[in-house]
Amino acid sequence: MQQPYDTPGAEADAGARVLVVDDDPTVAEVVSGYLDRAGYVVDRAGDGPAALARAAAHWPDLVVLDLMLPGMDGLEVCRRMRGHGPVPVIMLTARGDEDDRILGLEVGADDYVTKPFSPRELVLRVESVLRRTRPAGTPGMLRAGGLEVDPAGRRAVKDGGELALTIREFDLLAFFLRHPGRAFTREELMREVWGWDFGDLSTVTVHVRRLRGKVEDDPARPRLIQTVWGVGYRFEAAANGS
């Protein structure tokens, strides 16, 4: 019933393709206008099924996705898209409730913006996320703690098995492997990995928890990504969980 999704092709070379999903036509029009003027190829959808159909026709480089959609909410849309392949997602929410923001991050959203928001800020967030997905001058293989990370190919392997990581999870893991043994505050991780000088630090907390669930043998007792109380987190390169 579901048709296979196209992978990004040459047409994306003229400008990254961004799918804007929002049931409010005014919001969708304003956001699409700003993104279009910034040089992006913009597709629009007003509900979940339409968003999945648009993605099936033209796989996006990034999705701007409203949390509250009729019929199928943004969380389910995000899950279904991620089931077909990795794609960066910026979640929009009209609520200021922290639980909603964390829920979006838990299903793999790379960023979120709370309504009302500045369209210019959203464009900057889009640029930041896309820049992180296409890093220039990536180094060679990174290896530690039973992990192998290929920044150029954006592949991560644990004990021979490939890990299914979101864009931000991959960036966070690669950053940890580049700086073994050093403790970082959440503010430092947000600045170095997300490229933000300010933001909700729960974003870092959620991503560390998700990453532990994928790289640790026992996420409840992490040996690779350790909490440094009163500071933040440290990656222990010598740990292998065995």
Protein backbone atom coordinates (compact mmCIF):
# COMPACT_ATOMS: atom_id res chain seq x y z
CA MET A 1 0.00 0.00 0.00
CA GLN A 2 2.86 2.36 0.78
CA GLN A 3 5.04 3.07 -2.21
CA PRO A 4 8.84 3.22 -1.79
CA TYR A 5 10.30 6.63 -1.12
CA ASP A 6 12.62 8.25 -3.62
CA THR A 7 16.11 9.01 -2.44
CA PRO A 8 17.53 12.51 -2.91
CA GLY A 9 18.57 13.10 -6.48
CA ALA A 10 20.27 15.62 -8.71
CA GLU A 11 17.35 18.02 -8.58
CA ALA A 12 18.28 18.82 -4.98
CA ASP A 13 21.57 20.29 -6.24
CA ALA A 14 19.82 23.53 -7.20
CA GLY A 15 18.81 24.01 -3.55
CA ALA A 16 17.93 21.76 -0.67
CA ARG A 17 14.32 20.54 -0.73
CA VAL A 18 12.32 21.44 2.38
CA LEU A 19 8.88 19.97 3.09
CA VAL A 20 6.71 22.31 5.19
CA VAL A 21 3.86 20.51 6.96
CA ASP A 22 1.31 22.72 8.75
CA ASP A 23 -2.49 22.79 8.70
CA ASP A 24 -2.51 26.57 9.20
CA PRO A 25 -2.31 27.98 5.63
CA THR A 26 -1.06 31.35 6.87
CA VAL A 27 1.85 29.81 8.78
CA ALA A 28 2.66 27.47 5.89
CA GLU A 29 2.61 30.34 3.39
CA VAL A 30 4.83 32.62 5.49
CA VAL A 31 7.34 29.87 6.28
CA SER A 32 7.41 28.68 2.66
CA GLY A 33 7.93 32.25 1.45
CA TYR A 34 10.91 32.84 3.69
CA LEU A 35 12.47 29.50 2.77
CA ASP A 36 11.88 30.11 -0.93
CA ARG A 37 13.60 33.51 -0.73
CA ALA A 38 16.50 31.83 1.08
CA GLY A 39 17.01 29.61 -1.97
CA TYR A 40 15.30 26.38 -0.91
CA VAL A 41 12.98 24.25 -3.01
CA VAL A 42 9.80 24.15 -0.94
CA ASP A 43 7.00 21.58 -0.89
CA ARG A 44 3.89 22.03 1.27
CA ALA A 45 1.39 19.70 2.93
CA GLY A 46 -1.54 20.46 5.23
CA ASP A 47 -1.87 17.12 7.03
CA GLY A 48 -0.02 13.90 7.80
CA PRO A 49 -1.15 11.71 4.88
CA ALA A 50 -0.45 14.55 2.43
CA ALA A 51 3.02 14.98 3.96
CA LEU A 52 3.82 11.29 3.50
CA ALA A 53 2.57 11.44 -0.09
CA ARG A 54 4.72 14.51 -0.81
CA ALA A 55 7.75 12.81 0.69
CA ALA A 56 7.05 9.71 -1.41
CA ALA A 57 7.02 11.83 -4.57
CA HIS A 58 10.10 13.90 -3.69
CA TRP A 59 12.20 12.86 -0.72
CA PRO A 60 13.02 16.05 1.24
CA ASP A 61 16.40 17.12 2.54
CA LEU A 62 14.62 18.47 5.64
CA VAL A 63 11.07 18.60 7.05
CA VAL A 64 9.51 21.49 8.97
CA LEU A 65 6.73 19.61 10.76
CA ASP A 66 3.87 20.90 12.89
CA LEU A 67 3.22 18.77 15.97
CA MET A 68 -0.56 19.27 16.00
CA LEU A 69 -1.99 18.04 12.69
CA PRO A 70 -5.51 16.78 11.86
CA GLY A 71 -5.92 13.03 11.53
CA MET A 72 -2.28 12.08 12.06
CA ASP A 73 -0.12 14.11 14.42
CA GLY A 74 3.42 15.23 13.70
CA LEU A 75 4.94 12.59 15.96
CA GLU A 76 3.40 9.78 13.87
CA VAL A 77 4.43 11.51 10.63
CA CYS A 78 7.99 11.75 11.95
CA ARG A 79 8.01 8.05 12.92
CA ARG A 80 6.74 6.95 9.52
CA MET A 81 9.18 9.10 7.59
CA ARG A 82 12.07 7.90 9.71
CA GLY A 83 10.95 4.35 8.95
CA HIS A 84 11.80 4.98 5.29
CA GLY A 85 15.12 6.73 5.77
CA PRO A 86 17.02 9.38 7.70
CA VAL A 87 15.74 12.90 7.25
CA PRO A 88 16.31 15.96 9.46
CA VAL A 89 13.12 17.20 11.15
CA ILE A 90 12.40 20.56 12.77
CA MET A 91 9.23 20.27 14.85
CA LEU A 92 6.81 23.17 15.24
CA THR A 93 4.59 23.31 18.29
CA ALA A 94 2.01 25.85 19.44
CA ARG A 95 2.50 24.70 23.01
CA GLY A 96 5.14 25.90 25.42
CA ASP A 97 4.89 22.68 27.42
CA GLU A 98 8.29 21.08 27.91
CA ASP A 99 6.75 17.60 27.68
CA ASP A 100 5.69 18.25 24.08
CA ARG A 101 9.14 19.47 23.13
CA ILE A 102 10.81 16.46 24.73
CA LEU A 103 8.31 14.12 23.05
CA GLY A 104 9.30 15.54 19.68
CA LEU A 105 12.98 15.03 20.46
CA GLU A 106 12.30 11.50 21.68
CA VAL A 107 10.90 10.45 18.30
CA GLY A 108 13.95 11.88 16.58
CA ALA A 109 13.27 15.52 15.80
CA ASP A 110 16.57 17.35 15.32
CA ASP A 111 15.25 20.69 16.51
CA TYR A 112 12.02 22.37 17.52
CA VAL A 113 10.55 25.86 17.32
CA THR A 114 7.69 27.02 19.54
CA LYS A 115 4.90 29.12 18.02
CA PRO A 116 4.75 32.05 17.69
CA PHE A 117 8.20 32.19 16.16
CA SER A 118 10.28 34.44 13.93
CA PRO A 119 10.38 33.10 10.33
CA ARG A 120 13.95 34.41 10.08
CA GLU A 121 14.91 32.34 13.12
CA LEU A 122 13.34 29.27 11.53
CA VAL A 123 15.36 29.80 8.35
CA LEU A 124 18.53 30.03 10.46
CA ARG A 125 17.58 26.79 12.22
CA VAL A 126 17.04 25.11 8.83
CA GLU A 127 20.44 26.34 7.64
CA SER A 128 22.09 25.10 10.84
CA VAL A 129 20.59 21.61 10.63
CA LEU A 130 21.39 21.21 6.94
CA ARG A 131 24.92 22.46 7.45
CA ARG A 132 25.43 19.76 10.08
CA THR A 133 24.17 17.06 7.72
CA ARG A 134 26.66 18.07 5.03
CA PRO A 135 29.89 18.86 6.85
CA ALA A 136 32.82 20.03 4.75
CA GLY A 137 36.24 18.51 5.15
CA THR A 138 35.18 15.58 7.33
CA PRO A 139 38.05 13.64 8.97
CA GLY A 140 38.78 9.93 8.68
CA MET A 141 37.35 7.04 10.66
CA LEU A 142 36.87 7.47 14.40
CA ARG A 143 37.21 4.38 16.59
CA ALA A 144 36.76 3.88 20.33
CA GLY A 145 34.88 1.70 22.80
CA GLY A 146 33.79 -0.84 20.19
CA LEU A 147 32.43 1.95 17.99
CA GLU A 148 33.46 2.97 14.47
CA VAL A 149 32.22 6.26 13.04
CA ASP A 150 32.73 7.33 9.43
CA PRO A 151 32.04 11.10 9.26
CA ALA A 152 32.35 11.23 5.47
CA GLY A 153 29.89 8.39 4.88
CA ARG A 154 27.85 9.30 7.97
CA ARG A 155 27.82 5.69 9.15
CA ALA A 156 28.28 4.43 12.69
CA VAL A 157 28.94 0.82 13.67
CA LYS A 158 28.95 -0.89 17.05
CA ASP A 159 30.55 -4.34 17.31
CA GLY A 160 30.09 -4.87 13.58
CA GLY A 161 26.44 -3.82 13.42
CA GLU A 162 25.36 -0.51 11.87
CA LEU A 163 23.58 1.92 14.18
CA ALA A 164 20.38 3.71 13.16
CA LEU A 165 21.15 7.26 14.31
CA THR A 166 19.37 10.52 13.67
CA ILE A 167 21.34 13.45 12.28
CA ARG A 168 21.95 15.00 15.69
CA GLU A 169 22.70 11.67 17.38
CA PHE A 170 25.37 11.00 14.77
CA ASP A 171 26.90 14.46 15.20
CA LEU A 172 26.90 14.08 18.98
CA LEU A 173 28.56 10.66 18.84
CA ALA A 174 31.21 11.86 16.37
CA PHE A 175 31.94 14.86 18.61
CA PHE A 176 32.39 12.62 21.65
CA LEU A 177 34.75 10.32 19.75
CA ARG A 178 36.83 13.30 18.64
CA HIS A 179 37.22 14.44 22.27
CA PRO A 180 37.61 11.33 24.43
CA GLY A 181 38.16 11.78 28.15
CA ARG A 182 37.10 15.44 28.20
CA ALA A 183 34.06 16.59 30.17
CA PHE A 184 31.67 18.95 28.39
CA THR A 185 28.84 20.99 29.84
CA ARG A 186 25.46 20.86 28.13
CA GLU A 187 26.01 24.47 27.07
CA GLU A 188 29.27 23.50 25.38
CA LEU A 189 27.66 20.55 23.62
CA MET A 190 24.81 22.73 22.42
CA ARG A 191 27.28 25.25 21.01
CA GLU A 192 29.68 22.73 19.45
CA VAL A 193 27.22 20.12 18.15
CA TRP A 194 24.08 22.16 17.50
CA GLY A 195 25.82 25.42 16.66
CA TRP A 196 23.59 27.39 19.05
CA ASP A 197 24.77 29.89 21.62
CA PHE A 198 21.46 29.58 23.48
CA GLY A 199 18.52 27.19 23.66
CA ASP A 200 16.69 24.66 25.81
CA LEU A 201 19.33 22.43 27.37
CA SER A 202 16.84 19.56 27.62
CA THR A 203 17.59 19.11 23.91
CA VAL A 204 21.08 17.89 24.85
CA THR A 205 19.78 15.74 27.71
CA VAL A 206 17.27 13.95 25.49
CA HIS A 207 19.79 13.30 22.74
CA VAL A 208 22.34 11.91 25.19
CA ARG A 209 19.68 9.57 26.58
CA ARG A 210 18.66 8.42 23.10
CA LEU A 211 22.29 7.94 22.07
CA ARG A 212 23.03 5.89 25.18
CA GLY A 213 20.11 3.64 24.26
CA LYS A 214 21.86 2.81 21.00
CA VAL A 215 25.56 2.62 21.92
CA GLU A 216 25.59 1.36 25.52
CA ASP A 217 25.32 -2.34 26.43
CA ASP A 218 23.33 -1.27 29.48
CA PRO A 219 21.92 2.27 29.02
CA ALA A 220 20.91 2.33 32.71
CA ARG A 221 24.59 1.95 33.60
CA PRO A 222 26.43 3.79 30.84
CA ARG A 223 30.13 3.14 30.47
CA LEU A 224 30.86 5.05 27.27
CA ILE A 225 28.92 8.30 27.73
CA GLN A 226 29.29 9.04 31.41
CA THR A 227 27.59 11.72 33.45
CA VAL A 228 29.98 14.08 35.22
CA TRP A 229 27.87 15.38 38.08
CA GLY A 230 27.74 19.14 38.28
CA VAL A 231 29.40 19.45 34.86
CA GLY A 232 27.85 17.45 32.02
CA TYR A 233 29.08 14.43 30.07
CA ARG A 234 32.34 12.69 29.19
CA PHE A 235 33.11 9.98 26.64
CA GLU A 236 35.32 7.18 27.98
CA ALA A 237 37.19 5.78 25.00
CA ALA A 238 38.65 2.85 26.94
CA ALA A 239 35.22 1.53 27.96
CA ASN A 240 33.84 -1.28 25.87
CA GLY A 241 30.90 -2.47 27.94
CA SER A 242 32.25 -6.03 28.13
